[in-house]
Amino acid sequence: ETDGRTIALGHLNNEHYVALKYSV
């Protein structure tokens, strides 16, 4: 939990996953 890095994905139209850039 101290790492703090989360991977973000987008899920489009319940069909495709795409990588997203995510920052807190």
mmCIF file of all heavy atoms, coordinates in Angstrom:
data_MODEL
# 
_entry.id   MODEL 
# 
loop_
_atom_site.group_PDB 
_atom_site.id 
_atom_site.type_symbol 
_atom_site.label_atom_id 
_atom_site.label_alt_id 
_atom_site.label_comp_id 
_atom_site.label_asym_id 
_atom_site.label_entity_id 
_atom_site.label_seq_id 
_atom_site.pdbx_PDB_ins_code 
_atom_site.Cartn_x 
_atom_site.Cartn_y 
_atom_site.Cartn_z 
_atom_site.occupancy 
_atom_site.B_iso_or_equiv 
_atom_site.pdbx_formal_charge 
_atom_site.auth_seq_id 
_atom_site.auth_comp_id 
_atom_site.auth_asym_id 
_atom_site.auth_atom_id 
_atom_site.pdbx_PDB_model_num 
ATOM 1   N N   . GLU A 1 1  ? 0.816   -1.218 0.000   1.00 0.00 ? 1  GLU A N   1 
ATOM 2   C CA  . GLU A 1 1  ? 0.000   0.000  0.000   1.00 0.00 ? 1  GLU A CA  1 
ATOM 3   C C   . GLU A 1 1  ? 0.846   1.263  0.000   1.00 0.00 ? 1  GLU A C   1 
ATOM 4   O O   . GLU A 1 1  ? 0.364   2.324  -0.380  1.00 0.00 ? 1  GLU A O   1 
ATOM 5   C CB  . GLU A 1 1  ? -0.949  -0.008 1.200   1.00 0.00 ? 1  GLU A CB  1 
ATOM 6   C CG  . GLU A 1 1  ? -2.009  -1.087 1.091   1.00 0.00 ? 1  GLU A CG  1 
ATOM 7   C CD  . GLU A 1 1  ? -3.052  -0.982 2.184   1.00 0.00 ? 1  GLU A CD  1 
ATOM 8   O OE1 . GLU A 1 1  ? -3.396  0.146  2.568   1.00 0.00 ? 1  GLU A OE1 1 
ATOM 9   O OE2 . GLU A 1 1  ? -3.528  -2.039 2.629   1.00 0.00 ? 1  GLU A OE2 1 
ATOM 10  N N   . THR A 1 2  ? 2.095   1.166  0.393   1.00 0.00 ? 2  THR A N   1 
ATOM 11  C CA  . THR A 1 2  ? 2.955   2.347  0.408   1.00 0.00 ? 2  THR A CA  1 
ATOM 12  C C   . THR A 1 2  ? 3.456   2.700  -0.990  1.00 0.00 ? 2  THR A C   1 
ATOM 13  O O   . THR A 1 2  ? 3.922   3.810  -1.213  1.00 0.00 ? 2  THR A O   1 
ATOM 14  C CB  . THR A 1 2  ? 4.171   2.135  1.336   1.00 0.00 ? 2  THR A CB  1 
ATOM 15  O OG1 . THR A 1 2  ? 4.945   1.043  0.852   1.00 0.00 ? 2  THR A OG1 1 
ATOM 16  C CG2 . THR A 1 2  ? 3.720   1.861  2.757   1.00 0.00 ? 2  THR A CG2 1 
ATOM 17  N N   . ASP A 1 3  ? 3.374   1.741  -1.918  1.00 0.00 ? 3  ASP A N   1 
ATOM 18  C CA  . ASP A 1 3  ? 3.817   1.984  -3.291  1.00 0.00 ? 3  ASP A CA  1 
ATOM 19  C C   . ASP A 1 3  ? 2.955   3.058  -3.943  1.00 0.00 ? 3  ASP A C   1 
ATOM 20  O O   . ASP A 1 3  ? 3.440   3.969  -4.589  1.00 0.00 ? 3  ASP A O   1 
ATOM 21  C CB  . ASP A 1 3  ? 3.784   0.682  -4.091  1.00 0.00 ? 3  ASP A CB  1 
ATOM 22  C CG  . ASP A 1 3  ? 4.340   0.822  -5.494  1.00 0.00 ? 3  ASP A CG  1 
ATOM 23  O OD1 . ASP A 1 3  ? 4.553   1.946  -5.959  1.00 0.00 ? 3  ASP A OD1 1 
ATOM 24  O OD2 . ASP A 1 3  ? 4.555   -0.211 -6.130  1.00 0.00 ? 3  ASP A OD2 1 
ATOM 25  N N   . GLY A 1 4  ? 1.650   2.941  -3.789  1.00 0.00 ? 4  GLY A N   1 
ATOM 26  C CA  . GLY A 1 4  ? 0.723   3.947  -4.273  1.00 0.00 ? 4  GLY A CA  1 
ATOM 27  C C   . GLY A 1 4  ? 0.452   3.954  -5.762  1.00 0.00 ? 4  GLY A C   1 
ATOM 28  O O   . GLY A 1 4  ? -0.298  4.774  -6.252  1.00 0.00 ? 4  GLY A O   1 
ATOM 29  N N   . ARG A 1 5  ? 1.066   3.052  -6.518  1.00 0.00 ? 5  ARG A N   1 
ATOM 30  C CA  . ARG A 1 5  ? 0.840   3.058  -7.964  1.00 0.00 ? 5  ARG A CA  1 
ATOM 31  C C   . ARG A 1 5  ? -0.360  2.185  -8.319  1.00 0.00 ? 5  ARG A C   1 
ATOM 32  O O   . ARG A 1 5  ? -0.419  1.018  -7.965  1.00 0.00 ? 5  ARG A O   1 
ATOM 33  C CB  . ARG A 1 5  ? 2.082   2.593  -8.703  1.00 0.00 ? 5  ARG A CB  1 
ATOM 34  C CG  . ARG A 1 5  ? 3.218   3.589  -8.559  1.00 0.00 ? 5  ARG A CG  1 
ATOM 35  C CD  . ARG A 1 5  ? 4.399   3.201  -9.373  1.00 0.00 ? 5  ARG A CD  1 
ATOM 36  N NE  . ARG A 1 5  ? 5.030   2.035  -8.737  1.00 0.00 ? 5  ARG A NE  1 
ATOM 37  C CZ  . ARG A 1 5  ? 6.052   1.383  -9.258  1.00 0.00 ? 5  ARG A CZ  1 
ATOM 38  N NH1 . ARG A 1 5  ? 6.557   1.758  -10.407 1.00 0.00 ? 5  ARG A NH1 1 
ATOM 39  N NH2 . ARG A 1 5  ? 6.573   0.359  -8.640  1.00 0.00 ? 5  ARG A NH2 1 
ATOM 40  N N   . THR A 1 6  ? -1.281  2.773  -9.022  1.00 0.00 ? 6  THR A N   1 
ATOM 41  C CA  . THR A 1 6  ? -2.485  2.080  -9.479  1.00 0.00 ? 6  THR A CA  1 
ATOM 42  C C   . THR A 1 6  ? -2.490  2.091  -10.998 1.00 0.00 ? 6  THR A C   1 
ATOM 43  O O   . THR A 1 6  ? -2.176  3.096  -11.618 1.00 0.00 ? 6  THR A O   1 
ATOM 44  C CB  . THR A 1 6  ? -3.748  2.785  -8.950  1.00 0.00 ? 6  THR A CB  1 
ATOM 45  O OG1 . THR A 1 6  ? -3.725  2.750  -7.528  1.00 0.00 ? 6  THR A OG1 1 
ATOM 46  C CG2 . THR A 1 6  ? -5.013  2.117  -9.455  1.00 0.00 ? 6  THR A CG2 1 
ATOM 47  N N   . ILE A 1 7  ? -2.867  0.983  -11.581 1.00 0.00 ? 7  ILE A N   1 
ATOM 48  C CA  . ILE A 1 7  ? -3.007  0.893  -13.032 1.00 0.00 ? 7  ILE A CA  1 
ATOM 49  C C   . ILE A 1 7  ? -4.425  1.317  -13.385 1.00 0.00 ? 7  ILE A C   1 
ATOM 50  O O   . ILE A 1 7  ? -5.386  0.898  -12.739 1.00 0.00 ? 7  ILE A O   1 
ATOM 51  C CB  . ILE A 1 7  ? -2.730  -0.543 -13.512 1.00 0.00 ? 7  ILE A CB  1 
ATOM 52  C CG1 . ILE A 1 7  ? -1.272  -0.893 -13.228 1.00 0.00 ? 7  ILE A CG1 1 
ATOM 53  C CG2 . ILE A 1 7  ? -3.080  -0.701 -14.994 1.00 0.00 ? 7  ILE A CG2 1 
ATOM 54  C CD1 . ILE A 1 7  ? -0.934  -2.332 -13.450 1.00 0.00 ? 7  ILE A CD1 1 
ATOM 55  N N   . ALA A 1 8  ? -4.567  2.155  -14.386 1.00 0.00 ? 8  ALA A N   1 
ATOM 56  C CA  . ALA A 1 8  ? -5.883  2.626  -14.805 1.00 0.00 ? 8  ALA A CA  1 
ATOM 57  C C   . ALA A 1 8  ? -6.213  2.075  -16.185 1.00 0.00 ? 8  ALA A C   1 
ATOM 58  O O   . ALA A 1 8  ? -5.403  2.148  -17.107 1.00 0.00 ? 8  ALA A O   1 
ATOM 59  C CB  . ALA A 1 8  ? -5.930  4.144  -14.824 1.00 0.00 ? 8  ALA A CB  1 
ATOM 60  N N   . LEU A 1 9  ? -7.405  1.522  -16.300 1.00 0.00 ? 9  LEU A N   1 
ATOM 61  C CA  . LEU A 1 9  ? -7.917  1.022  -17.575 1.00 0.00 ? 9  LEU A CA  1 
ATOM 62  C C   . LEU A 1 9  ? -9.258  1.676  -17.868 1.00 0.00 ? 9  LEU A C   1 
ATOM 63  O O   . LEU A 1 9  ? -10.039 1.941  -16.961 1.00 0.00 ? 9  LEU A O   1 
ATOM 64  C CB  . LEU A 1 9  ? -8.128  -0.492 -17.525 1.00 0.00 ? 9  LEU A CB  1 
ATOM 65  C CG  . LEU A 1 9  ? -6.911  -1.381 -17.336 1.00 0.00 ? 9  LEU A CG  1 
ATOM 66  C CD1 . LEU A 1 9  ? -7.351  -2.840 -17.252 1.00 0.00 ? 9  LEU A CD1 1 
ATOM 67  C CD2 . LEU A 1 9  ? -5.927  -1.194 -18.475 1.00 0.00 ? 9  LEU A CD2 1 
ATOM 68  N N   . GLY A 1 10 ? -9.514  1.916  -19.135 1.00 0.00 ? 10 GLY A N   1 
ATOM 69  C CA  . GLY A 1 10 ? -10.832 2.332  -19.567 1.00 0.00 ? 10 GLY A CA  1 
ATOM 70  C C   . GLY A 1 10 ? -11.553 1.130  -20.143 1.00 0.00 ? 10 GLY A C   1 
ATOM 71  O O   . GLY A 1 10 ? -10.937 0.254  -20.751 1.00 0.00 ? 10 GLY A O   1 
ATOM 72  N N   . HIS A 1 11 ? -12.857 1.059  -19.914 1.00 0.00 ? 11 HIS A N   1 
ATOM 73  C CA  . HIS A 1 11 ? -13.673 -0.027 -20.477 1.00 0.00 ? 11 HIS A CA  1 
ATOM 74  C C   . HIS A 1 11 ? -14.747 0.640  -21.330 1.00 0.00 ? 11 HIS A C   1 
ATOM 75  O O   . HIS A 1 11 ? -15.663 1.277  -20.824 1.00 0.00 ? 11 HIS A O   1 
ATOM 76  C CB  . HIS A 1 11 ? -14.283 -0.858 -19.354 1.00 0.00 ? 11 HIS A CB  1 
ATOM 77  C CG  . HIS A 1 11 ? -14.865 -2.140 -19.816 1.00 0.00 ? 11 HIS A CG  1 
ATOM 78  N ND1 . HIS A 1 11 ? -15.937 -2.723 -19.195 1.00 0.00 ? 11 HIS A ND1 1 
ATOM 79  C CD2 . HIS A 1 11 ? -14.542 -2.974 -20.838 1.00 0.00 ? 11 HIS A CD2 1 
ATOM 80  C CE1 . HIS A 1 11 ? -16.242 -3.863 -19.790 1.00 0.00 ? 11 HIS A CE1 1 
ATOM 81  N NE2 . HIS A 1 11 ? -15.409 -4.026 -20.803 1.00 0.00 ? 11 HIS A NE2 1 
ATOM 82  N N   . LEU A 1 12 ? -14.607 0.502  -22.635 1.00 0.00 ? 12 LEU A N   1 
ATOM 83  C CA  . LEU A 1 12 ? -15.467 1.220  -23.574 1.00 0.00 ? 12 LEU A CA  1 
ATOM 84  C C   . LEU A 1 12 ? -16.602 0.352  -24.074 1.00 0.00 ? 12 LEU A C   1 
ATOM 85  O O   . LEU A 1 12 ? -16.381 -0.732 -24.613 1.00 0.00 ? 12 LEU A O   1 
ATOM 86  C CB  . LEU A 1 12 ? -14.634 1.707  -24.769 1.00 0.00 ? 12 LEU A CB  1 
ATOM 87  C CG  . LEU A 1 12 ? -13.426 2.564  -24.419 1.00 0.00 ? 12 LEU A CG  1 
ATOM 88  C CD1 . LEU A 1 12 ? -12.610 2.850  -25.669 1.00 0.00 ? 12 LEU A CD1 1 
ATOM 89  C CD2 . LEU A 1 12 ? -13.849 3.842  -23.742 1.00 0.00 ? 12 LEU A CD2 1 
ATOM 90  N N   . ASN A 1 13 ? -17.817 0.845  -23.891 1.00 0.00 ? 13 ASN A N   1 
ATOM 91  C CA  . ASN A 1 13 ? -19.020 0.191  -24.410 1.00 0.00 ? 13 ASN A CA  1 
ATOM 92  C C   . ASN A 1 13 ? -19.116 -1.279 -24.005 1.00 0.00 ? 13 ASN A C   1 
ATOM 93  O O   . ASN A 1 13 ? -19.646 -2.100 -24.745 1.00 0.00 ? 13 ASN A O   1 
ATOM 94  C CB  . ASN A 1 13 ? -19.087 0.311  -25.931 1.00 0.00 ? 13 ASN A CB  1 
ATOM 95  C CG  . ASN A 1 13 ? -19.087 1.748  -26.385 1.00 0.00 ? 13 ASN A CG  1 
ATOM 96  O OD1 . ASN A 1 13 ? -19.699 2.601  -25.751 1.00 0.00 ? 13 ASN A OD1 1 
ATOM 97  N ND2 . ASN A 1 13 ? -18.377 2.035  -27.453 1.00 0.00 ? 13 ASN A ND2 1 
ATOM 98  N N   . ASN A 1 14 ? -18.584 -1.608 -22.832 1.00 0.00 ? 14 ASN A N   1 
ATOM 99  C CA  . ASN A 1 14 ? -18.592 -2.988 -22.329 1.00 0.00 ? 14 ASN A CA  1 
ATOM 100 C C   . ASN A 1 14 ? -17.968 -3.971 -23.301 1.00 0.00 ? 14 ASN A C   1 
ATOM 101 O O   . ASN A 1 14 ? -18.322 -5.138 -23.331 1.00 0.00 ? 14 ASN A O   1 
ATOM 102 C CB  . ASN A 1 14 ? -20.011 -3.429 -21.961 1.00 0.00 ? 14 ASN A CB  1 
ATOM 103 C CG  . ASN A 1 14 ? -20.516 -2.709 -20.741 1.00 0.00 ? 14 ASN A CG  1 
ATOM 104 O OD1 . ASN A 1 14 ? -19.767 -2.485 -19.795 1.00 0.00 ? 14 ASN A OD1 1 
ATOM 105 N ND2 . ASN A 1 14 ? -21.776 -2.334 -20.752 1.00 0.00 ? 14 ASN A ND2 1 
ATOM 106 N N   . GLU A 1 15 ? -17.023 -3.504 -24.107 1.00 0.00 ? 15 GLU A N   1 
ATOM 107 C CA  . GLU A 1 15 ? -16.385 -4.385 -25.084 1.00 0.00 ? 15 GLU A CA  1 
ATOM 108 C C   . GLU A 1 15 ? -14.866 -4.357 -25.030 1.00 0.00 ? 15 GLU A C   1 
ATOM 109 O O   . GLU A 1 15 ? -14.241 -5.398 -25.103 1.00 0.00 ? 15 GLU A O   1 
ATOM 110 C CB  . GLU A 1 15 ? -16.832 -4.009 -26.506 1.00 0.00 ? 15 GLU A CB  1 
ATOM 111 C CG  . GLU A 1 15 ? -18.278 -4.333 -26.777 1.00 0.00 ? 15 GLU A CG  1 
ATOM 112 C CD  . GLU A 1 15 ? -18.644 -4.087 -28.224 1.00 0.00 ? 15 GLU A CD  1 
ATOM 113 O OE1 . GLU A 1 15 ? -17.746 -4.140 -29.084 1.00 0.00 ? 15 GLU A OE1 1 
ATOM 114 O OE2 . GLU A 1 15 ? -19.818 -3.830 -28.480 1.00 0.00 ? 15 GLU A OE2 1 
ATOM 115 N N   . HIS A 1 16 ? -14.255 -3.176 -24.947 1.00 0.00 ? 16 HIS A N   1 
ATOM 116 C CA  . HIS A 1 16 ? -12.804 -3.067 -25.090 1.00 0.00 ? 16 HIS A CA  1 
ATOM 117 C C   . HIS A 1 16 ? -12.186 -2.386 -23.875 1.00 0.00 ? 16 HIS A C   1 
ATOM 118 O O   . HIS A 1 16 ? -12.727 -1.409 -23.370 1.00 0.00 ? 16 HIS A O   1 
ATOM 119 C CB  . HIS A 1 16 ? -12.440 -2.261 -26.342 1.00 0.00 ? 16 HIS A CB  1 
ATOM 120 C CG  . HIS A 1 16 ? -12.903 -2.880 -27.605 1.00 0.00 ? 16 HIS A CG  1 
ATOM 121 N ND1 . HIS A 1 16 ? -12.307 -3.988 -28.164 1.00 0.00 ? 16 HIS A ND1 1 
ATOM 122 C CD2 . HIS A 1 16 ? -13.926 -2.564 -28.430 1.00 0.00 ? 16 HIS A CD2 1 
ATOM 123 C CE1 . HIS A 1 16 ? -12.946 -4.310 -29.278 1.00 0.00 ? 16 HIS A CE1 1 
ATOM 124 N NE2 . HIS A 1 16 ? -13.933 -3.476 -29.458 1.00 0.00 ? 16 HIS A NE2 1 
ATOM 125 N N   . TYR A 1 17 ? -11.031 -2.899 -23.457 1.00 0.00 ? 17 TYR A N   1 
ATOM 126 C CA  . TYR A 1 17 ? -10.233 -2.240 -22.430 1.00 0.00 ? 17 TYR A CA  1 
ATOM 127 C C   . TYR A 1 17 ? -9.134  -1.434 -23.120 1.00 0.00 ? 17 TYR A C   1 
ATOM 128 O O   . TYR A 1 17 ? -8.575  -1.872 -24.111 1.00 0.00 ? 17 TYR A O   1 
ATOM 129 C CB  . TYR A 1 17 ? -9.577  -3.270 -21.504 1.00 0.00 ? 17 TYR A CB  1 
ATOM 130 C CG  . TYR A 1 17 ? -10.539 -3.932 -20.564 1.00 0.00 ? 17 TYR A CG  1 
ATOM 131 C CD1 . TYR A 1 17 ? -11.094 -5.153 -20.854 1.00 0.00 ? 17 TYR A CD1 1 
ATOM 132 C CD2 . TYR A 1 17 ? -10.886 -3.322 -19.362 1.00 0.00 ? 17 TYR A CD2 1 
ATOM 133 C CE1 . TYR A 1 17 ? -11.978 -5.779 -19.989 1.00 0.00 ? 17 TYR A CE1 1 
ATOM 134 C CE2 . TYR A 1 17 ? -11.773 -3.931 -18.477 1.00 0.00 ? 17 TYR A CE2 1 
ATOM 135 C CZ  . TYR A 1 17 ? -12.311 -5.159 -18.801 1.00 0.00 ? 17 TYR A CZ  1 
ATOM 136 O OH  . TYR A 1 17 ? -13.186 -5.773 -17.946 1.00 0.00 ? 17 TYR A OH  1 
ATOM 137 N N   . VAL A 1 18 ? -8.852  -0.254 -22.563 1.00 0.00 ? 18 VAL A N   1 
ATOM 138 C CA  . VAL A 1 18 ? -7.771  0.579  -23.078 1.00 0.00 ? 18 VAL A CA  1 
ATOM 139 C C   . VAL A 1 18 ? -6.954  1.088  -21.885 1.00 0.00 ? 18 VAL A C   1 
ATOM 140 O O   . VAL A 1 18 ? -7.473  1.273  -20.796 1.00 0.00 ? 18 VAL A O   1 
ATOM 141 C CB  . VAL A 1 18 ? -8.294  1.777  -23.908 1.00 0.00 ? 18 VAL A CB  1 
ATOM 142 C CG1 . VAL A 1 18 ? -8.981  1.307  -25.176 1.00 0.00 ? 18 VAL A CG1 1 
ATOM 143 C CG2 . VAL A 1 18 ? -9.224  2.641  -23.098 1.00 0.00 ? 18 VAL A CG2 1 
ATOM 144 N N   . ALA A 1 19 ? -5.652  1.291  -22.104 1.00 0.00 ? 19 ALA A N   1 
ATOM 145 C CA  . ALA A 1 19 ? -4.793  1.823  -21.050 1.00 0.00 ? 19 ALA A CA  1 
ATOM 146 C C   . ALA A 1 19 ? -5.041  3.322  -20.902 1.00 0.00 ? 19 ALA A C   1 
ATOM 147 O O   . ALA A 1 19 ? -5.235  4.029  -21.886 1.00 0.00 ? 19 ALA A O   1 
ATOM 148 C CB  . ALA A 1 19 ? -3.340  1.560  -21.398 1.00 0.00 ? 19 ALA A CB  1 
ATOM 149 N N   . LEU A 1 20 ? -5.045  3.774  -19.675 1.00 0.00 ? 20 LEU A N   1 
ATOM 150 C CA  . LEU A 1 20 ? -5.223  5.182  -19.376 1.00 0.00 ? 20 LEU A CA  1 
ATOM 151 C C   . LEU A 1 20 ? -4.068  5.678  -18.519 1.00 0.00 ? 20 LEU A C   1 
ATOM 152 O O   . LEU A 1 20 ? -3.509  4.924  -17.734 1.00 0.00 ? 20 LEU A O   1 
ATOM 153 C CB  . LEU A 1 20 ? -6.525  5.425  -18.596 1.00 0.00 ? 20 LEU A CB  1 
ATOM 154 C CG  . LEU A 1 20 ? -7.821  5.000  -19.273 1.00 0.00 ? 20 LEU A CG  1 
ATOM 155 C CD1 . LEU A 1 20 ? -8.978  5.163  -18.294 1.00 0.00 ? 20 LEU A CD1 1 
ATOM 156 C CD2 . LEU A 1 20 ? -8.071  5.815  -20.522 1.00 0.00 ? 20 LEU A CD2 1 
ATOM 157 N N   . LYS A 1 21 ? -3.757  6.941  -18.648 1.00 0.00 ? 21 LYS A N   1 
ATOM 158 C CA  . LYS A 1 21 ? -2.781  7.550  -17.745 1.00 0.00 ? 21 LYS A CA  1 
ATOM 159 C C   . LYS A 1 21 ? -3.570  8.083  -16.564 1.00 0.00 ? 21 LYS A C   1 
ATOM 160 O O   . LYS A 1 21 ? -4.557  8.795  -16.729 1.00 0.00 ? 21 LYS A O   1 
ATOM 161 C CB  . LYS A 1 21 ? -2.042  8.685  -18.441 1.00 0.00 ? 21 LYS A CB  1 
ATOM 162 C CG  . LYS A 1 21 ? -0.975  9.288  -17.584 1.00 0.00 ? 21 LYS A CG  1 
ATOM 163 C CD  . LYS A 1 21 ? -0.190  10.320 -18.353 1.00 0.00 ? 21 LYS A CD  1 
ATOM 164 C CE  . LYS A 1 21 ? 0.883   10.911 -17.459 1.00 0.00 ? 21 LYS A CE  1 
ATOM 165 N NZ  . LYS A 1 21 ? 1.661   11.904 -18.161 1.00 0.00 ? 21 LYS A NZ  1 
ATOM 166 N N   . TYR A 1 22 ? -3.134  7.737  -15.352 1.00 0.00 ? 22 TYR A N   1 
ATOM 167 C CA  . TYR A 1 22 ? -3.874  8.073  -14.153 1.00 0.00 ? 22 TYR A CA  1 
ATOM 168 C C   . TYR A 1 22 ? -2.919  8.641  -13.127 1.00 0.00 ? 22 TYR A C   1 
ATOM 169 O O   . TYR A 1 22 ? -1.857  8.090  -12.896 1.00 0.00 ? 22 TYR A O   1 
ATOM 170 C CB  . TYR A 1 22 ? -4.552  6.821  -13.609 1.00 0.00 ? 22 TYR A CB  1 
ATOM 171 C CG  . TYR A 1 22 ? -5.239  6.969  -12.276 1.00 0.00 ? 22 TYR A CG  1 
ATOM 172 C CD1 . TYR A 1 22 ? -6.418  7.691  -12.184 1.00 0.00 ? 22 TYR A CD1 1 
ATOM 173 C CD2 . TYR A 1 22 ? -4.711  6.382  -11.143 1.00 0.00 ? 22 TYR A CD2 1 
ATOM 174 C CE1 . TYR A 1 22 ? -7.064  7.823  -10.972 1.00 0.00 ? 22 TYR A CE1 1 
ATOM 175 C CE2 . TYR A 1 22 ? -5.356  6.505  -9.919  1.00 0.00 ? 22 TYR A CE2 1 
ATOM 176 C CZ  . TYR A 1 22 ? -6.532  7.229  -9.839  1.00 0.00 ? 22 TYR A CZ  1 
ATOM 177 O OH  . TYR A 1 22 ? -7.168  7.353  -8.643  1.00 0.00 ? 22 TYR A OH  1 
ATOM 178 N N   . SER A 1 23 ? -3.252  9.771  -12.547 1.00 0.00 ? 23 SER A N   1 
ATOM 179 C CA  . SER A 1 23 ? -2.418  10.321 -11.485 1.00 0.00 ? 23 SER A CA  1 
ATOM 180 C C   . SER A 1 23 ? -3.314  10.868 -10.389 1.00 0.00 ? 23 SER A C   1 
ATOM 181 O O   . SER A 1 23 ? -4.422  11.322 -10.653 1.00 0.00 ? 23 SER A O   1 
ATOM 182 C CB  . SER A 1 23 ? -1.496  11.406 -12.024 1.00 0.00 ? 23 SER A CB  1 
ATOM 183 O OG  . SER A 1 23 ? -2.262  12.458 -12.573 1.00 0.00 ? 23 SER A OG  1 
ATOM 184 N N   . VAL A 1 24 ? -2.823  10.808 -9.183  1.00 0.00 ? 24 VAL A N   1 
ATOM 185 C CA  . VAL A 1 24 ? -3.594  11.263 -8.032  1.00 0.00 ? 24 VAL A CA  1 
ATOM 186 C C   . VAL A 1 24 ? -3.180  12.674 -7.692  1.00 0.00 ? 24 VAL A C   1 
ATOM 187 O O   . VAL A 1 24 ? -2.071  13.055 -7.759  1.00 0.00 ? 24 VAL A O   1 
ATOM 188 C CB  . VAL A 1 24 ? -3.375  10.333 -6.828  1.00 0.00 ? 24 VAL A CB  1 
ATOM 189 C CG1 . VAL A 1 24 ? -4.118  10.845 -5.608  1.00 0.00 ? 24 VAL A CG1 1 
ATOM 190 C CG2 . VAL A 1 24 ? -3.795  8.949  -7.172  1.00 0.00 ? 24 VAL A CG2 1 
# 
